[in-house]
Protein backbone atom coordinates (compact mmCIF):
# COMPACT_ATOMS: atom_id res chain seq x y z
CA MET A 1 39.66 -33.54 191.03
CA VAL A 2 39.93 -35.44 187.78
CA GLY A 3 41.44 -34.94 184.38
CA THR A 4 39.68 -35.11 181.04
CA ARG A 5 42.35 -35.99 178.50
CA ASN A 6 43.23 -39.51 177.50
CA ASP A 7 41.14 -40.80 180.38
CA PRO A 8 43.70 -39.85 183.06
CA GLU A 9 41.18 -40.78 185.74
CA THR A 10 41.18 -44.32 184.45
CA LYS A 11 44.98 -44.45 184.53
CA TYR A 12 45.02 -43.07 188.04
CA VAL A 13 42.46 -45.53 189.41
CA ARG A 14 44.19 -48.47 187.76
CA SER A 15 47.57 -47.39 189.08
CA VAL A 16 46.17 -47.17 192.60
CA CYS A 17 44.64 -50.63 192.31
CA MET A 18 47.75 -52.23 190.79
CA THR A 19 50.48 -50.58 192.86
CA ARG A 20 49.22 -51.07 196.42
CA SER A 21 52.51 -51.47 198.20
CA TRP A 22 53.72 -54.08 200.64
CA PHE A 23 53.83 -51.34 203.25
CA GLY A 24 50.05 -51.00 203.08
CA ALA A 25 49.62 -54.74 203.54
CA VAL A 26 51.98 -54.83 206.51
CA LEU A 27 50.24 -51.84 208.08
CA THR A 28 46.86 -53.50 207.65
CA ILE A 29 48.00 -56.74 209.27
CA ALA A 30 49.69 -54.89 212.11
CA VAL A 31 46.69 -52.71 212.90
CA LEU A 32 44.29 -55.67 212.75
CA ALA A 33 46.56 -57.73 214.99
CA VAL A 34 46.85 -54.98 217.59
CA ALA A 35 43.13 -54.29 217.42
CA GLY A 36 42.29 -57.96 217.81
CA PHE A 37 44.59 -58.27 220.81
CA LEU A 38 43.18 -55.15 222.46
CA LEU A 39 39.60 -56.18 221.75
CA ALA A 40 40.09 -59.68 223.13
CA ARG A 41 41.82 -58.36 226.24
CA THR A 42 39.15 -55.71 226.76
CA LEU A 43 36.22 -58.08 226.32
CA GLY A 44 37.88 -60.51 228.71
CA ARG A 45 37.38 -58.01 231.52
CA TYR A 46 33.60 -58.28 231.34
CA ASP A 47 31.16 -61.00 232.23
CA LEU A 48 28.91 -62.18 229.40
CA ALA A 49 25.95 -61.89 231.75
CA ASP A 50 26.71 -58.18 232.22
CA ILE A 51 26.89 -57.64 228.47
CA LYS A 52 23.64 -59.53 227.93
CA ALA A 53 21.93 -57.48 230.63
CA ALA A 54 23.19 -54.25 229.07
CA ILE A 55 21.81 -55.27 225.67
CA GLU A 56 18.44 -56.26 227.10
CA GLY A 57 18.27 -53.00 229.04
CA MET A 58 18.72 -50.77 225.99
CA ASP A 59 15.96 -48.21 225.58
CA ALA A 60 13.81 -48.60 222.45
CA HIS A 61 13.88 -44.83 221.99
CA ARG A 62 17.68 -44.95 221.74
CA LEU A 63 17.51 -47.59 219.04
CA LEU A 64 14.86 -45.62 217.16
CA GLY A 65 16.99 -42.47 217.38
CA ALA A 66 20.07 -44.32 216.17
CA SER A 67 18.08 -45.77 213.26
CA LEU A 68 16.79 -42.32 212.29
CA PHE A 69 20.29 -40.85 212.24
CA ALA A 70 21.48 -43.81 210.15
CA VAL A 71 18.76 -43.14 207.58
CA LEU A 72 19.73 -39.47 207.51
CA SER A 73 23.40 -40.39 207.04
CA TYR A 74 22.72 -42.58 204.02
CA THR A 75 20.40 -39.89 202.64
CA VAL A 76 23.20 -37.31 202.89
CA LEU A 77 25.53 -39.71 201.11
CA THR A 78 23.07 -39.99 198.22
CA ALA A 79 23.18 -36.19 197.97
CA VAL A 80 26.99 -36.36 197.76
CA GLU A 81 26.65 -38.97 195.03
CA PHE A 82 24.17 -36.78 193.14
CA LEU A 83 26.69 -33.92 193.13
CA ALA A 84 29.43 -36.34 192.10
CA VAL A 85 27.46 -37.46 189.05
CA ARG A 86 26.91 -33.83 188.10
CA TYR A 87 30.66 -33.28 188.46
CA ALA A 88 31.24 -36.23 186.16
CA GLY A 89 29.27 -34.40 183.47
CA ARG A 90 26.56 -37.04 183.09
CA PRO A 91 23.63 -36.10 185.35
CA LEU A 92 21.20 -38.90 186.16
CA PRO A 93 17.81 -38.88 187.90
CA TYR A 94 18.14 -38.78 191.68
CA ARG A 95 16.36 -42.14 192.10
CA GLN A 96 19.05 -43.88 190.04
CA VAL A 97 21.89 -42.13 191.83
CA ALA A 98 20.38 -42.87 195.25
CA LEU A 99 20.00 -46.55 194.36
CA ALA A 100 23.60 -46.82 193.14
CA CYS A 101 24.90 -44.97 196.20
CA PHE A 102 23.03 -47.04 198.75
CA ILE A 103 23.92 -50.38 197.15
CA ALA A 104 27.59 -49.41 196.72
CA LEU A 105 28.08 -47.99 200.21
CA SER A 106 26.02 -50.54 202.12
CA ILE A 107 28.21 -53.25 200.61
CA GLY A 108 31.47 -51.28 200.58
CA HIS A 109 31.16 -50.23 204.24
CA SER A 110 30.94 -53.85 205.32
CA LEU A 111 33.50 -55.40 202.96
CA GLY A 112 36.40 -53.09 203.75
CA PHE A 113 38.61 -51.34 201.17
CA ALA A 114 35.53 -49.17 200.65
CA ALA A 115 36.99 -47.14 197.79
CA LEU A 116 37.61 -50.32 195.81
CA SER A 117 34.65 -52.47 196.88
CA SER A 118 32.06 -49.72 196.55
CA GLY A 119 33.85 -48.55 193.42
CA ALA A 120 33.40 -51.96 191.82
CA VAL A 121 29.68 -51.89 192.56
CA ARG A 122 29.40 -48.35 191.19
CA PHE A 123 31.22 -49.43 188.06
CA ARG A 124 28.73 -52.26 187.52
CA LEU A 125 25.69 -50.02 187.97
CA TYR A 126 26.84 -46.87 186.20
CA ARG A 127 28.19 -48.76 183.19
CA ARG A 128 24.69 -50.13 182.65
CA TRP A 129 23.41 -46.56 182.68
CA GLY A 130 25.87 -45.42 180.02
CA LEU A 131 28.68 -43.74 181.97
CA ARG A 132 32.22 -44.12 180.71
CA ILE A 133 35.05 -45.39 182.90
CA ALA A 134 36.53 -41.90 183.25
CA GLU A 135 33.16 -40.52 184.36
CA ILE A 136 32.72 -43.27 186.94
CA ALA A 137 36.22 -42.51 188.20
CA ARG A 138 35.15 -38.89 188.72
CA VAL A 139 32.22 -40.05 190.84
CA ILE A 140 34.42 -42.32 192.96
CA LEU A 141 37.11 -39.68 193.56
CA TYR A 142 34.61 -36.93 194.33
CA CYS A 143 32.80 -39.09 196.89
CA GLY A 144 36.06 -40.32 198.39
CA LEU A 145 37.29 -36.77 198.86
CA ALA A 146 33.99 -35.80 200.49
CA VAL A 147 34.55 -38.49 203.12
CA LEU A 148 38.19 -37.54 203.72
CA LEU A 149 37.37 -33.85 203.97
CA GLY A 150 34.51 -34.56 206.36
CA TYR A 151 36.70 -36.54 208.72
CA SER A 152 39.52 -34.00 208.48
CA ILE A 153 37.35 -30.99 209.27
CA VAL A 154 35.04 -32.53 211.87
CA GLY A 155 37.93 -34.40 213.48
CA GLY A 156 40.03 -31.25 213.55
CA VAL A 157 37.31 -29.20 215.20
CA ALA A 158 36.54 -31.97 217.70
CA LEU A 159 40.19 -32.44 218.66
CA ALA A 160 40.93 -28.74 218.92
CA THR A 161 37.92 -28.13 221.18
CA SER A 162 38.12 -31.25 223.35
CA ALA A 163 41.46 -30.79 225.07
CA ASP A 164 39.99 -30.87 228.59
CA TRP A 165 38.23 -34.21 228.46
CA LEU A 166 41.00 -35.82 226.40
CA THR A 167 43.46 -34.79 229.09
CA ALA A 168 41.25 -36.32 231.77
CA LEU A 169 40.52 -39.48 229.79
CA ILE A 170 43.89 -40.51 228.35
CA SER A 171 46.31 -38.01 229.91
CA LEU A 172 46.86 -36.31 226.57
CA PRO A 173 48.36 -32.82 227.00
CA PRO A 174 46.00 -30.09 225.77
CA SER A 175 48.72 -28.76 223.47
CA VAL A 176 48.95 -32.12 221.68
CA SER A 177 45.19 -32.21 221.15
CA ALA A 178 45.24 -28.67 219.76
CA VAL A 179 48.15 -29.43 217.42
CA ALA A 180 46.45 -32.63 216.21
CA GLY A 181 43.33 -30.62 215.47
CA ALA A 182 45.32 -28.07 213.51
CA VAL A 183 47.13 -30.76 211.50
CA ALA A 184 43.78 -32.29 210.56
CA PHE A 185 42.93 -29.09 208.67
CA THR A 186 45.92 -29.51 206.34
CA LEU A 187 44.01 -31.49 203.71
CA PRO A 188 40.98 -29.14 203.58
CA VAL A 189 43.21 -26.06 203.35
CA LEU A 190 45.30 -27.53 200.52
CA TYR A 191 42.19 -28.71 198.72
CA LEU A 192 40.51 -25.31 198.94
CA ALA A 193 43.69 -23.68 197.66
CA VAL A 194 43.66 -25.94 194.59
CA VAL A 195 39.98 -25.25 193.97
CA THR A 196 40.46 -21.51 194.36
CA LEU A 197 43.34 -21.44 191.90
CA GLY A 198 41.34 -23.57 189.48
CA ARG A 199 44.47 -25.15 188.09
CA PRO A 200 45.08 -28.85 187.62
CA ILE A 201 47.71 -30.65 189.62
CA ARG A 202 49.87 -33.31 188.09
CA ILE A 203 50.41 -36.69 189.74
CA TRP A 204 52.76 -38.80 187.66
CA ARG A 205 51.28 -38.52 184.16
CA THR A 206 47.79 -37.63 185.35
CA HIS A 207 46.32 -34.15 185.47
CA LEU A 208 43.65 -33.75 188.15
CA PHE A 209 41.18 -30.90 187.74
CA PRO A 210 39.20 -29.47 190.69
CA PRO A 211 35.40 -29.21 190.72
CA THR A 212 33.62 -25.86 190.65
CA PRO A 213 33.39 -23.84 193.87
CA SER A 214 29.69 -24.66 194.27
CA LEU A 215 30.29 -28.39 193.91
CA THR A 216 33.22 -28.11 196.31
CA ALA A 217 31.08 -26.35 198.90
CA GLY A 218 28.46 -29.08 198.68
CA GLN A 219 31.16 -31.75 198.87
CA ILE A 220 32.63 -30.31 202.06
CA LEU A 221 29.38 -29.44 203.83
CA LEU A 222 27.74 -32.80 203.12
CA GLY A 223 30.91 -34.69 204.02
CA CYS A 224 31.03 -32.98 207.42
CA LEU A 225 27.31 -33.53 208.00
CA ASP A 226 27.65 -37.24 207.27
CA VAL A 227 30.44 -37.69 209.82
CA ALA A 228 28.36 -35.90 212.44
CA LEU A 229 25.34 -38.07 211.66
CA VAL A 230 27.27 -41.34 211.96
CA ALA A 231 28.66 -40.14 215.28
CA ALA A 232 25.08 -39.36 216.29
CA VAL A 233 24.15 -42.99 215.53
CA LEU A 234 26.89 -44.13 217.89
CA HIS A 235 25.93 -41.51 220.48
CA GLN A 236 22.34 -42.77 220.56
CA ALA A 237 23.46 -46.40 220.67
CA LEU A 238 25.73 -45.63 223.62
CA GLY A 239 22.97 -43.95 225.57
CA GLY A 240 22.75 -40.37 224.35
CA GLY A 241 21.76 -37.65 226.77
CA THR A 242 24.00 -35.51 228.92
CA ALA A 243 25.74 -38.40 230.68
CA LEU A 244 27.84 -38.91 227.56
CA PRO A 245 28.27 -35.63 225.66
CA PHE A 246 28.00 -35.77 221.89
CA SER A 247 31.35 -34.00 221.55
CA THR A 248 33.01 -36.84 223.43
CA VAL A 249 31.43 -39.50 221.23
CA LEU A 250 32.32 -37.49 218.14
CA VAL A 251 36.04 -37.51 218.96
CA VAL A 252 35.92 -41.19 219.93
CA TYR A 253 34.12 -42.09 216.70
CA VAL A 254 36.45 -40.10 214.44
CA THR A 255 39.50 -41.62 216.14
CA ALA A 256 38.07 -45.15 215.85
CA ALA A 257 36.90 -44.65 212.26
CA VAL A 258 40.28 -43.36 211.08
CA ALA A 259 41.97 -46.37 212.70
CA GLY A 260 39.46 -48.63 210.95
CA MET A 261 40.21 -46.98 207.60
CA LEU A 262 43.93 -47.51 208.06
CA ALA A 263 43.29 -51.19 208.76
CA HIS A 264 40.87 -51.56 205.84
CA ALA A 265 38.92 -53.94 208.07
CA PRO A 266 35.37 -54.74 206.92
CA GLY A 267 33.34 -51.94 208.46
CA GLY A 268 36.32 -51.27 210.71
CA ILE A 269 35.21 -54.33 212.65
CA GLY A 270 37.40 -55.03 215.64
CA VAL A 271 39.35 -51.80 215.21
CA VAL A 272 36.44 -49.46 215.94
CA GLU A 273 35.39 -51.59 218.90
CA ALA A 274 38.91 -51.77 220.32
CA VAL A 275 39.48 -48.01 220.09
CA THR A 276 36.04 -47.12 221.45
CA LEU A 277 36.31 -49.54 224.37
CA ALA A 278 39.79 -48.28 225.17
CA LEU A 279 38.43 -44.73 225.44
CA LEU A 280 34.99 -45.56 226.87
CA PRO A 281 35.23 -48.88 228.73
CA GLY A 282 32.18 -50.67 230.12
CA ALA A 283 29.60 -53.38 229.40
CA GLU A 284 27.15 -50.68 228.29
CA THR A 285 29.65 -49.56 225.66
CA ILE A 286 29.88 -53.11 224.29
CA ALA A 287 26.08 -53.29 224.03
CA GLY A 288 26.00 -49.91 222.31
CA LEU A 289 28.69 -50.93 219.83
CA LEU A 290 26.76 -54.06 218.93
CA ALA A 291 23.64 -51.98 218.33
CA PHE A 292 25.63 -49.43 216.31
CA ARG A 293 27.13 -52.12 214.08
CA ALA A 294 23.76 -53.77 213.51
CA ILE A 295 21.98 -50.50 212.69
CA TYR A 296 24.61 -48.81 210.54
CA TYR A 297 26.30 -51.80 208.89
CA LEU A 298 24.40 -55.07 209.06
CA VAL A 299 20.87 -53.90 208.26
CA PRO A 300 22.00 -51.72 205.30
CA LEU A 301 24.18 -54.61 204.07
CA VAL A 302 21.19 -56.96 203.94
CA LEU A 303 19.02 -54.35 202.24
CA GLY A 304 21.76 -53.30 199.82
CA ALA A 305 22.63 -56.88 198.85
CA ALA A 306 18.96 -57.63 198.23
CA ALA A 307 18.55 -54.48 196.13
CA PHE A 308 21.68 -55.37 194.13
CA ALA A 309 20.35 -58.87 193.46
CA LEU A 310 16.98 -57.52 192.34
CA PHE A 311 18.69 -54.97 190.11
CA GLU A 312 20.76 -57.68 188.43
CA VAL A 313 17.72 -59.90 187.91
CA TYR A 314 15.75 -57.02 186.38
CA ALA A 315 18.67 -55.85 184.22
CA ASN A 316 19.38 -59.35 182.91
CA ARG A 317 15.74 -59.94 182.05
CA ARG A 318 15.59 -56.61 180.22
CA ASP A 319 18.78 -57.39 178.29
CA GLY A 320 17.55 -60.86 177.49
């Protein structure tokens, strides 16, 4: 949802960047500190030899499956980006959009503050391709909302339908799980209401306009699919199969990912591990988490950084 007059998107993005409050900084430090403490205490329960054995015993088929789901996840994200560029009013060829998306997200996922770090990379790339600041802001906000909506909807469904195992795992009353699932749908419901009305909403001096219903449908569906695919990466890395149901891993992943977002830790590092190990303890889980981080974060980071460097070299030579 973005305005079109006097570049309100630009004002909004700048205000967000410049007015990050002390509360956010304190929350980040607190979450990271707690996560670090929990992770250190949890890892201390296991022998390094057990962890090494678990890593060496990982099935190659599991790693291949996790890699395939990771590729599918990034592919879905390029589709979200393609719709976002259409929403911005400056359609580009898919190959350009896919390149910008992969470079931005592979770097942003690992650096933390993804909206800002990936946004900076997007700004660099899209400015070279002729997009104005306001149009780039539309792309960033559309993609960011797709992620938030995906986590809200998938997390809500997972929580609302997983009361039994949550009760058994962490003694959470079924009613609490159901209420948490219902609360998670607040954002999607409000968003759909705004889109249906087709009216802008005003935040400070900025008017934010919703996308068309078709673009909204794509935004929501692809956002949900991406969350499920990332959870599938983790599910495969943790062993897959019936021993660990996908629904269980889905709830664990969404919980861990949201905690990582709140902490703004690079790739949620430390936070995701602490939450996952708290819910699914074991040396095998540690091995799976290491594989998950390597497949979904580290490998794309290397490839994305290399692609960014090559892009800059090519662009500079062309400009020169």
